[in-house]
């Protein structure tokens, strides 16, 4: 998924944006990690048959990213 597709298919609400900003500021996510977390959140939402990415999906994606970073 390229930049255009991420912008089109990975729309998040204000609460989701806050979670991602927290990941950048507190957890040291790079722009690349931010985008990857969005893509993973999109996949999680798809697996749950949900059209929109919710903060729960973003939280789960951040957790997976942290596991990838440390293990």
N, C-alpha and C. Protein backbone atom coordinates (compact mmCIF):
# COMPACT_ATOMS: atom_id res chain seq x y z
N UNK A 1 0.85 -1.16 0.00
CA UNK A 1 0.00 0.00 0.00
C UNK A 1 0.91 1.23 0.00
N UNK A 2 0.72 2.06 -0.99
CA UNK A 2 1.51 3.27 -1.10
C UNK A 2 0.90 4.43 -0.32
N UNK A 3 1.52 5.58 -0.43
CA UNK A 3 1.08 6.77 0.31
C UNK A 3 -0.36 7.15 -0.02
N UNK A 4 -0.71 7.11 -1.29
CA UNK A 4 -2.08 7.46 -1.69
C UNK A 4 -3.10 6.53 -1.07
N UNK A 5 -2.78 5.24 -1.10
CA UNK A 5 -3.71 4.26 -0.55
C UNK A 5 -3.83 4.39 0.96
N UNK A 6 -2.72 4.67 1.63
CA UNK A 6 -2.76 4.86 3.09
C UNK A 6 -3.67 6.04 3.42
N UNK A 7 -3.52 7.14 2.70
CA UNK A 7 -4.37 8.31 2.94
C UNK A 7 -5.84 8.01 2.66
N UNK A 8 -6.09 7.18 1.66
CA UNK A 8 -7.47 6.87 1.28
C UNK A 8 -8.12 5.85 2.20
N UNK A 9 -7.41 4.78 2.54
CA UNK A 9 -8.01 3.66 3.24
C UNK A 9 -7.73 3.60 4.74
N UNK A 10 -6.83 4.43 5.22
CA UNK A 10 -6.44 4.37 6.64
C UNK A 10 -6.83 5.64 7.39
N UNK A 11 -8.05 6.08 7.19
CA UNK A 11 -8.57 7.25 7.88
C UNK A 11 -8.83 6.90 9.34
N UNK A 12 -8.41 7.78 10.25
CA UNK A 12 -8.64 7.57 11.68
C UNK A 12 -9.31 8.81 12.27
N UNK A 13 -10.01 8.61 13.39
CA UNK A 13 -10.67 9.72 14.06
C UNK A 13 -9.66 10.44 14.96
N UNK A 14 -10.14 11.46 15.67
CA UNK A 14 -9.25 12.27 16.52
C UNK A 14 -8.59 11.45 17.62
N UNK A 15 -9.33 10.53 18.20
CA UNK A 15 -8.78 9.71 19.27
C UNK A 15 -7.68 8.79 18.72
N UNK A 16 -7.88 8.28 17.54
CA UNK A 16 -6.87 7.46 16.89
C UNK A 16 -5.61 8.24 16.57
N UNK A 17 -5.80 9.48 16.11
CA UNK A 17 -4.65 10.35 15.84
C UNK A 17 -3.87 10.63 17.11
N UNK A 18 -4.57 10.84 18.21
CA UNK A 18 -3.91 11.08 19.49
C UNK A 18 -3.05 9.87 19.90
N UNK A 19 -3.58 8.67 19.71
CA UNK A 19 -2.82 7.47 20.03
C UNK A 19 -1.55 7.37 19.18
N UNK A 20 -1.68 7.66 17.91
CA UNK A 20 -0.51 7.60 17.03
C UNK A 20 0.51 8.68 17.37
N UNK A 21 0.03 9.86 17.71
CA UNK A 21 0.95 10.94 18.12
C UNK A 21 1.65 10.58 19.41
N UNK A 22 0.95 9.90 20.33
CA UNK A 22 1.57 9.44 21.56
C UNK A 22 2.67 8.44 21.25
N UNK A 23 2.42 7.56 20.29
CA UNK A 23 3.43 6.57 19.90
C UNK A 23 4.67 7.26 19.35
N UNK A 24 4.48 8.32 18.62
CA UNK A 24 5.63 9.07 18.08
C UNK A 24 6.37 9.79 19.20
N UNK A 25 5.65 10.49 20.05
CA UNK A 25 6.27 11.32 21.07
C UNK A 25 6.85 10.52 22.24
N UNK A 26 6.13 9.54 22.71
CA UNK A 26 6.57 8.81 23.91
C UNK A 26 7.33 7.53 23.60
N UNK A 27 6.98 6.88 22.51
CA UNK A 27 7.59 5.59 22.20
C UNK A 27 8.67 5.70 21.12
N UNK A 28 8.81 6.89 20.55
CA UNK A 28 9.87 7.11 19.58
C UNK A 28 9.60 6.53 18.20
N UNK A 29 8.33 6.40 17.83
CA UNK A 29 8.01 5.90 16.50
C UNK A 29 8.50 6.88 15.45
N UNK A 30 9.08 6.35 14.40
CA UNK A 30 9.47 7.17 13.25
C UNK A 30 8.25 7.34 12.34
N UNK A 31 8.42 8.13 11.30
CA UNK A 31 7.34 8.29 10.33
C UNK A 31 7.03 6.96 9.66
N UNK A 32 8.05 6.18 9.43
CA UNK A 32 7.86 4.86 8.82
C UNK A 32 7.07 3.93 9.77
N UNK A 33 7.43 3.95 11.05
CA UNK A 33 6.72 3.12 12.03
C UNK A 33 5.26 3.58 12.18
N UNK A 34 5.03 4.88 12.11
CA UNK A 34 3.68 5.45 12.15
C UNK A 34 2.84 4.87 11.02
N UNK A 35 3.40 4.89 9.81
CA UNK A 35 2.69 4.39 8.65
C UNK A 35 2.45 2.89 8.75
N UNK A 36 3.44 2.16 9.22
CA UNK A 36 3.28 0.72 9.37
C UNK A 36 2.19 0.39 10.40
N UNK A 37 2.15 1.14 11.48
CA UNK A 37 1.11 0.92 12.49
C UNK A 37 -0.27 1.18 11.89
N UNK A 38 -0.38 2.21 11.06
CA UNK A 38 -1.65 2.48 10.39
C UNK A 38 -2.06 1.32 9.49
N UNK A 39 -1.10 0.78 8.75
CA UNK A 39 -1.40 -0.34 7.86
C UNK A 39 -1.83 -1.57 8.65
N UNK A 40 -1.16 -1.83 9.75
CA UNK A 40 -1.52 -2.98 10.59
C UNK A 40 -2.91 -2.77 11.19
N UNK A 41 -3.19 -1.54 11.63
CA UNK A 41 -4.51 -1.23 12.18
C UNK A 41 -5.60 -1.45 11.12
N UNK A 42 -5.30 -1.09 9.87
CA UNK A 42 -6.25 -1.32 8.78
C UNK A 42 -6.51 -2.82 8.61
N UNK A 43 -5.45 -3.61 8.67
CA UNK A 43 -5.58 -5.06 8.55
C UNK A 43 -6.41 -5.64 9.69
N UNK A 44 -6.16 -5.17 10.91
CA UNK A 44 -6.92 -5.64 12.07
C UNK A 44 -8.40 -5.30 11.91
N UNK A 45 -8.69 -4.10 11.46
CA UNK A 45 -10.08 -3.71 11.22
C UNK A 45 -10.71 -4.59 10.14
N UNK A 46 -9.97 -4.87 9.09
CA UNK A 46 -10.48 -5.74 8.03
C UNK A 46 -10.79 -7.14 8.55
N UNK A 47 -9.89 -7.67 9.38
CA UNK A 47 -10.10 -9.01 9.93
C UNK A 47 -11.33 -9.06 10.84
N UNK A 48 -11.68 -7.93 11.43
CA UNK A 48 -12.87 -7.84 12.28
C UNK A 48 -14.11 -7.42 11.49
N UNK A 49 -13.98 -7.38 10.16
CA UNK A 49 -15.08 -6.96 9.26
C UNK A 49 -15.63 -5.59 9.61
N UNK A 50 -14.74 -4.67 9.94
CA UNK A 50 -15.15 -3.31 10.27
C UNK A 50 -14.62 -2.36 9.22
N UNK A 51 -15.46 -1.43 8.84
CA UNK A 51 -15.11 -0.48 7.78
C UNK A 51 -14.13 0.59 8.26
N UNK A 52 -14.28 1.02 9.50
CA UNK A 52 -13.45 2.10 10.03
C UNK A 52 -12.40 1.56 11.00
N UNK A 53 -11.27 2.24 11.04
CA UNK A 53 -10.22 1.91 11.99
C UNK A 53 -10.59 2.59 13.31
N UNK A 54 -10.67 1.81 14.37
CA UNK A 54 -11.02 2.37 15.68
C UNK A 54 -9.75 2.49 16.53
N UNK A 55 -9.83 3.24 17.62
CA UNK A 55 -8.68 3.34 18.53
C UNK A 55 -8.23 1.98 19.07
N UNK A 56 -9.15 1.05 19.20
CA UNK A 56 -8.79 -0.30 19.65
C UNK A 56 -7.85 -0.96 18.64
N UNK A 57 -8.14 -0.79 17.36
CA UNK A 57 -7.29 -1.36 16.31
C UNK A 57 -5.90 -0.70 16.34
N UNK A 58 -5.87 0.59 16.55
CA UNK A 58 -4.60 1.30 16.59
C UNK A 58 -3.78 0.86 17.80
N UNK A 59 -4.43 0.72 18.94
CA UNK A 59 -3.73 0.26 20.14
C UNK A 59 -3.12 -1.11 19.94
N UNK A 60 -3.87 -2.00 19.31
CA UNK A 60 -3.36 -3.34 19.04
C UNK A 60 -2.17 -3.29 18.09
N UNK A 61 -2.26 -2.46 17.06
CA UNK A 61 -1.17 -2.32 16.10
C UNK A 61 0.08 -1.76 16.78
N UNK A 62 -0.08 -0.81 17.68
CA UNK A 62 1.05 -0.25 18.41
C UNK A 62 1.70 -1.33 19.28
N UNK A 63 0.89 -2.15 19.91
CA UNK A 63 1.43 -3.24 20.72
C UNK A 63 2.25 -4.20 19.87
N UNK A 64 1.75 -4.55 18.70
CA UNK A 64 2.50 -5.44 17.81
C UNK A 64 3.82 -4.80 17.39
N UNK A 65 3.77 -3.52 17.12
CA UNK A 65 4.99 -2.81 16.71
C UNK A 65 6.01 -2.79 17.84
N UNK A 66 5.56 -2.63 19.06
CA UNK A 66 6.47 -2.63 20.20
C UNK A 66 7.08 -4.01 20.39
N UNK A 67 6.31 -5.07 20.17
CA UNK A 67 6.84 -6.42 20.28
C UNK A 67 7.92 -6.64 19.22
N UNK A 68 7.67 -6.13 18.03
CA UNK A 68 8.62 -6.27 16.92
C UNK A 68 9.93 -5.52 17.24
N UNK A 69 9.78 -4.41 17.93
CA UNK A 69 10.94 -3.58 18.25
C UNK A 69 11.84 -4.22 19.31
N UNK A 70 11.26 -4.91 20.25
CA UNK A 70 12.03 -5.43 21.38
C UNK A 70 12.32 -6.93 21.32
N UNK A 71 11.66 -7.67 20.43
CA UNK A 71 11.88 -9.11 20.39
C UNK A 71 12.44 -9.57 19.08
